[in-house]
């Protein structure tokens, strides 16, 4: 039996007064859901994405919650120059950053024996390299301040084998390892670094990199018989950003109902 989709719940002001930067926040996926949920929980939100038109559209949608468009900065996370510009602009606009959500990633579906060096490198550079660059920029800002939270978007693919996902799985496993090591380095300054590890959160952009047949097969493996809604993953991100997870660092939290 397929479980019915959950419904969004009221907000509780968990991030009131905090400034949150979310990468890859345009469109309809986890990034936009995270930005929306953080805004609903009272945060000042800064959004970023490689796609400028979609970024502007996302800012307009968030303005319906916040009353005015959030600061939106175009950024390709494979470029250190653009990453630094993003953080400089966000800090100049709001004075500091309390939370950074690293959501940018690139997937694909290619058997290893057919995978080119270019395909491998592209996925690793966005998904792992981009998380590295943004985490580094965040910690350079947060450690001297003695506070802050970084939340990385990993994936259960970093733990579980799936055909055609060698590059993505390697990148997401790397995000998990980066999270743990960064957390140990940042802990003396009181800065926390954690990750979420979703199984499958359904949104239209997934169909661009995975077949409908594969997506349906993954969804039916979930205990609820459906994929997560992006906001359900965003809720866990909000938890990790809030004081309710104040003792957690270096953790990778699975957002999944998948069974064997």
Protein backbone atom coordinates (compact mmCIF):
# COMPACT_ATOMS: atom_id res chain seq x y z
CA UNK A 1 0.00 0.00 0.00
CA UNK A 2 1.29 3.44 -0.89
CA UNK A 3 1.36 5.95 1.94
CA UNK A 4 -0.34 9.28 1.44
CA UNK A 5 1.80 12.37 1.12
CA UNK A 6 2.42 14.26 4.33
CA UNK A 7 1.26 17.84 4.71
CA UNK A 8 3.45 20.80 5.75
CA UNK A 9 3.03 21.82 9.37
CA UNK A 10 3.00 25.17 11.18
CA UNK A 11 6.32 26.85 11.85
CA UNK A 12 7.70 27.61 15.31
CA UNK A 13 10.26 30.38 14.86
CA UNK A 14 13.18 28.00 15.37
CA UNK A 15 15.56 30.18 13.33
CA UNK A 16 14.30 33.63 14.28
CA UNK A 17 16.99 36.28 13.90
CA UNK A 18 19.47 34.01 12.12
CA UNK A 19 21.01 34.45 8.70
CA UNK A 20 21.03 31.36 6.49
CA UNK A 21 22.79 30.91 3.16
CA UNK A 22 21.52 28.12 0.89
CA UNK A 23 23.29 27.06 -2.30
CA UNK A 24 21.47 25.56 -5.31
CA UNK A 25 18.28 27.12 -3.98
CA UNK A 26 16.49 27.82 -7.27
CA UNK A 27 13.87 25.50 -8.70
CA UNK A 28 11.73 22.98 -6.84
CA UNK A 29 14.17 20.69 -5.07
CA UNK A 30 15.63 20.37 -1.59
CA UNK A 31 17.56 23.65 -1.86
CA UNK A 32 14.49 25.78 -2.44
CA UNK A 33 12.54 23.81 0.14
CA UNK A 34 15.31 24.44 2.67
CA UNK A 35 15.35 28.16 1.90
CA UNK A 36 11.56 28.31 2.22
CA UNK A 37 11.44 26.38 5.49
CA UNK A 38 14.24 28.49 6.98
CA UNK A 39 12.37 31.65 6.00
CA UNK A 40 9.16 30.27 7.50
CA UNK A 41 11.08 29.58 10.71
CA UNK A 42 12.09 33.24 10.91
CA UNK A 43 15.53 33.29 9.27
CA UNK A 44 16.95 35.95 6.99
CA UNK A 45 17.74 33.90 3.91
CA UNK A 46 20.41 34.35 1.25
CA UNK A 47 19.95 32.15 -1.80
CA UNK A 48 22.38 31.18 -4.49
CA UNK A 49 22.27 29.15 -7.69
CA UNK A 50 24.10 28.78 -10.97
CA UNK A 51 20.90 29.50 -12.94
CA UNK A 52 20.24 33.24 -12.72
CA UNK A 53 16.71 33.23 -14.17
CA UNK A 54 15.49 30.47 -11.85
CA UNK A 55 17.26 32.20 -8.97
CA UNK A 56 15.24 35.34 -9.59
CA UNK A 57 12.03 33.34 -9.72
CA UNK A 58 12.92 31.65 -6.42
CA UNK A 59 13.56 35.03 -4.82
CA UNK A 60 10.12 36.22 -5.94
CA UNK A 61 8.46 33.16 -4.40
CA UNK A 62 10.31 33.63 -1.11
CA UNK A 63 9.25 37.28 -1.05
CA UNK A 64 5.68 36.04 -0.52
CA UNK A 65 6.87 34.74 2.88
CA UNK A 66 9.38 37.38 3.91
CA UNK A 67 7.67 40.45 2.46
CA UNK A 68 10.65 41.35 0.31
CA UNK A 69 12.96 39.39 -2.01
CA UNK A 70 15.91 37.81 -0.22
CA UNK A 71 19.47 38.54 -1.22
CA UNK A 72 20.11 36.33 -4.27
CA UNK A 73 23.62 35.78 -5.65
CA UNK A 74 24.44 33.75 -8.74
CA UNK A 75 27.29 31.31 -8.08
CA UNK A 76 28.89 28.33 -9.77
CA UNK A 77 30.36 26.32 -6.88
CA UNK A 78 33.11 24.91 -9.11
CA UNK A 79 34.65 28.40 -9.16
CA UNK A 80 36.53 29.56 -6.07
CA UNK A 81 36.26 33.16 -7.29
CA UNK A 82 32.47 32.91 -7.47
CA UNK A 83 32.22 31.13 -4.12
CA UNK A 84 34.24 33.86 -2.46
CA UNK A 85 32.08 36.51 -4.12
CA UNK A 86 28.98 34.75 -2.79
CA UNK A 87 30.22 34.72 0.78
CA UNK A 88 31.60 38.27 0.61
CA UNK A 89 28.27 39.54 -0.74
CA UNK A 90 26.20 37.65 1.84
CA UNK A 91 28.33 38.87 4.73
CA UNK A 92 28.37 42.43 3.44
CA UNK A 93 24.59 42.33 3.11
CA UNK A 94 23.79 40.89 6.52
CA UNK A 95 26.91 41.33 8.64
CA UNK A 96 27.49 37.63 9.26
CA UNK A 97 26.24 34.13 8.49
CA UNK A 98 24.81 31.84 11.15
CA UNK A 99 24.03 28.86 8.94
CA UNK A 100 25.29 27.62 5.58
CA UNK A 101 23.42 24.87 3.74
CA UNK A 102 25.53 23.27 1.01
CA UNK A 103 23.01 21.77 -1.38
CA UNK A 104 24.70 22.03 -4.78
CA UNK A 105 25.20 18.69 -6.49
CA UNK A 106 25.28 17.06 -9.90
CA UNK A 107 24.05 13.56 -10.65
CA UNK A 108 23.81 11.22 -13.59
CA UNK A 109 23.10 7.62 -14.53
CA UNK A 110 26.02 5.99 -16.37
CA UNK A 111 27.55 2.51 -16.05
CA UNK A 112 31.14 2.67 -14.84
CA UNK A 113 32.55 0.97 -17.96
CA UNK A 114 30.91 3.66 -20.12
CA UNK A 115 31.76 6.61 -17.85
CA UNK A 116 34.18 9.16 -19.27
CA UNK A 117 36.78 11.08 -17.31
CA UNK A 118 34.79 14.22 -18.06
CA UNK A 119 31.58 12.77 -16.58
CA UNK A 120 33.43 11.60 -13.48
CA UNK A 121 35.19 14.92 -12.98
CA UNK A 122 32.06 17.02 -13.53
CA UNK A 123 30.07 15.20 -10.84
CA UNK A 124 32.97 15.16 -8.37
CA UNK A 125 33.77 18.85 -8.90
CA UNK A 126 30.23 20.08 -8.28
CA UNK A 127 29.09 17.63 -5.64
CA UNK A 128 32.23 17.17 -3.57
CA UNK A 129 34.45 20.03 -4.73
CA UNK A 130 31.64 22.56 -4.40
CA UNK A 131 30.84 21.37 -0.89
CA UNK A 132 34.52 21.63 -0.01
CA UNK A 133 34.82 25.20 -1.31
CA UNK A 134 31.67 26.41 0.44
CA UNK A 135 32.47 24.62 3.70
CA UNK A 136 35.93 26.15 3.67
CA UNK A 137 34.51 29.62 3.08
CA UNK A 138 31.93 29.11 5.82
CA UNK A 139 34.48 27.95 8.39
CA UNK A 140 36.86 30.79 7.57
CA UNK A 141 34.01 33.11 8.57
CA UNK A 142 32.51 31.14 11.46
CA UNK A 143 35.56 29.88 13.35
CA UNK A 144 36.88 33.38 14.17
CA UNK A 145 33.34 34.34 15.31
CA UNK A 146 33.12 31.28 17.54
CA UNK A 147 29.69 30.22 16.27
CA UNK A 148 27.90 28.87 13.24
CA UNK A 149 26.42 25.80 11.63
CA UNK A 150 27.22 24.11 8.32
CA UNK A 151 24.81 21.54 6.88
CA UNK A 152 25.83 19.48 3.86
CA UNK A 153 23.49 17.55 1.60
CA UNK A 154 24.78 14.00 1.21
CA UNK A 155 22.76 10.98 0.03
CA UNK A 156 22.04 7.40 1.03
CA UNK A 157 23.88 6.55 -2.20
CA UNK A 158 27.02 7.36 -0.22
CA UNK A 159 26.22 4.23 1.82
CA UNK A 160 24.23 2.02 -0.54
CA UNK A 161 25.29 0.54 -3.86
CA UNK A 162 23.30 1.48 -6.94
CA UNK A 163 24.20 0.71 -10.55
CA UNK A 164 25.04 3.70 -12.70
CA UNK A 165 25.85 5.92 -9.74
CA UNK A 166 29.58 5.34 -9.22
CA UNK A 167 30.58 9.00 -9.64
CA UNK A 168 27.66 10.33 -7.58
CA UNK A 169 28.10 7.71 -4.85
CA UNK A 170 31.82 8.43 -4.57
CA UNK A 171 31.10 12.17 -4.36
CA UNK A 172 28.40 11.80 -1.70
CA UNK A 173 30.55 9.42 0.36
CA UNK A 174 33.21 12.09 0.14
CA UNK A 175 30.74 14.69 1.40
CA UNK A 176 30.10 12.48 4.43
CA UNK A 177 33.82 12.15 5.16
CA UNK A 178 34.38 15.87 4.62
CA UNK A 179 31.55 16.59 7.06
CA UNK A 180 33.07 14.43 9.80
CA UNK A 181 36.59 15.82 9.43
CA UNK A 182 35.44 19.43 9.17
CA UNK A 183 33.34 18.94 12.31
CA UNK A 184 36.36 17.83 14.33
CA UNK A 185 38.38 20.82 13.18
CA UNK A 186 35.56 23.31 13.86
CA UNK A 187 34.40 21.94 17.21
CA UNK A 188 36.93 23.82 19.39
CA UNK A 189 35.44 27.07 18.08
CA UNK A 190 31.88 25.97 18.84
CA UNK A 191 31.01 25.59 15.15
CA UNK A 192 28.95 22.56 14.15
CA UNK A 193 29.09 20.65 10.83
CA UNK A 194 26.50 17.99 10.01
CA UNK A 195 24.88 16.46 6.95
CA UNK A 196 21.55 15.12 5.81
CA UNK A 197 21.43 11.95 3.75
CA UNK A 198 18.13 11.71 1.84
CA UNK A 199 17.08 8.57 0.01
CA UNK A 200 14.79 10.05 -2.62
CA UNK A 201 12.98 13.38 -2.55
CA UNK A 202 10.79 13.78 -5.61
CA UNK A 203 10.93 16.96 -7.67
CA UNK A 204 10.79 17.68 -11.42
CA UNK A 205 14.53 18.16 -11.92
CA UNK A 206 15.22 14.54 -10.97
CA UNK A 207 13.66 13.37 -14.21
CA UNK A 208 16.40 15.19 -16.12
CA UNK A 209 19.10 12.89 -14.73
CA UNK A 210 17.17 9.69 -13.90
CA UNK A 211 14.53 7.74 -15.83
CA UNK A 212 10.92 7.70 -14.66
CA UNK A 213 11.17 3.92 -14.36
CA UNK A 214 14.17 4.15 -12.04
CA UNK A 215 12.55 6.88 -9.93
CA UNK A 216 9.38 4.84 -9.55
CA UNK A 217 11.42 1.79 -8.56
CA UNK A 218 13.28 3.73 -5.89
CA UNK A 219 10.08 5.23 -4.50
CA UNK A 220 8.35 1.87 -4.14
CA UNK A 221 11.29 0.58 -2.05
CA UNK A 222 10.52 3.15 0.61
CA UNK A 223 8.59 1.90 3.63
CA UNK A 224 5.87 4.49 3.01
CA UNK A 225 5.68 3.51 -0.65
CA UNK A 226 6.51 7.02 -1.81
CA UNK A 227 9.39 9.41 -2.15
CA UNK A 228 9.90 12.14 0.43
CA UNK A 229 8.61 15.61 -0.26
CA UNK A 230 11.50 18.11 -0.46
CA UNK A 231 10.11 19.99 2.56
CA UNK A 232 10.35 16.81 4.63
CA UNK A 233 14.12 16.80 4.05
CA UNK A 234 14.17 20.55 4.69
CA UNK A 235 12.58 19.98 8.09
CA UNK A 236 15.61 17.92 9.13
CA UNK A 237 17.88 20.67 7.82
CA UNK A 238 16.00 23.16 9.99
CA UNK A 239 16.47 20.86 12.99
CA UNK A 240 20.22 20.68 12.36
CA UNK A 241 20.36 24.46 11.97
CA UNK A 242 18.51 25.05 15.23
CA UNK A 243 19.49 24.89 18.88
CA UNK A 244 17.62 21.59 19.20
CA UNK A 245 20.65 19.85 17.65
CA UNK A 246 23.17 21.82 19.70
CA UNK A 247 25.17 18.77 20.80
CA UNK A 248 25.35 17.21 17.33
CA UNK A 249 28.37 17.60 15.08
CA UNK A 250 30.04 15.35 12.54
CA UNK A 251 26.78 13.44 12.11
CA UNK A 252 25.16 12.27 8.88
CA UNK A 253 21.41 12.03 9.45
CA UNK A 254 19.55 9.67 7.14
CA UNK A 255 16.26 11.09 5.89
CA UNK A 256 14.85 7.85 4.61
CA UNK A 257 12.21 5.18 5.05
CA UNK A 258 13.98 2.77 2.73
CA UNK A 259 13.96 -0.91 3.58
CA UNK A 260 16.15 -3.72 2.14
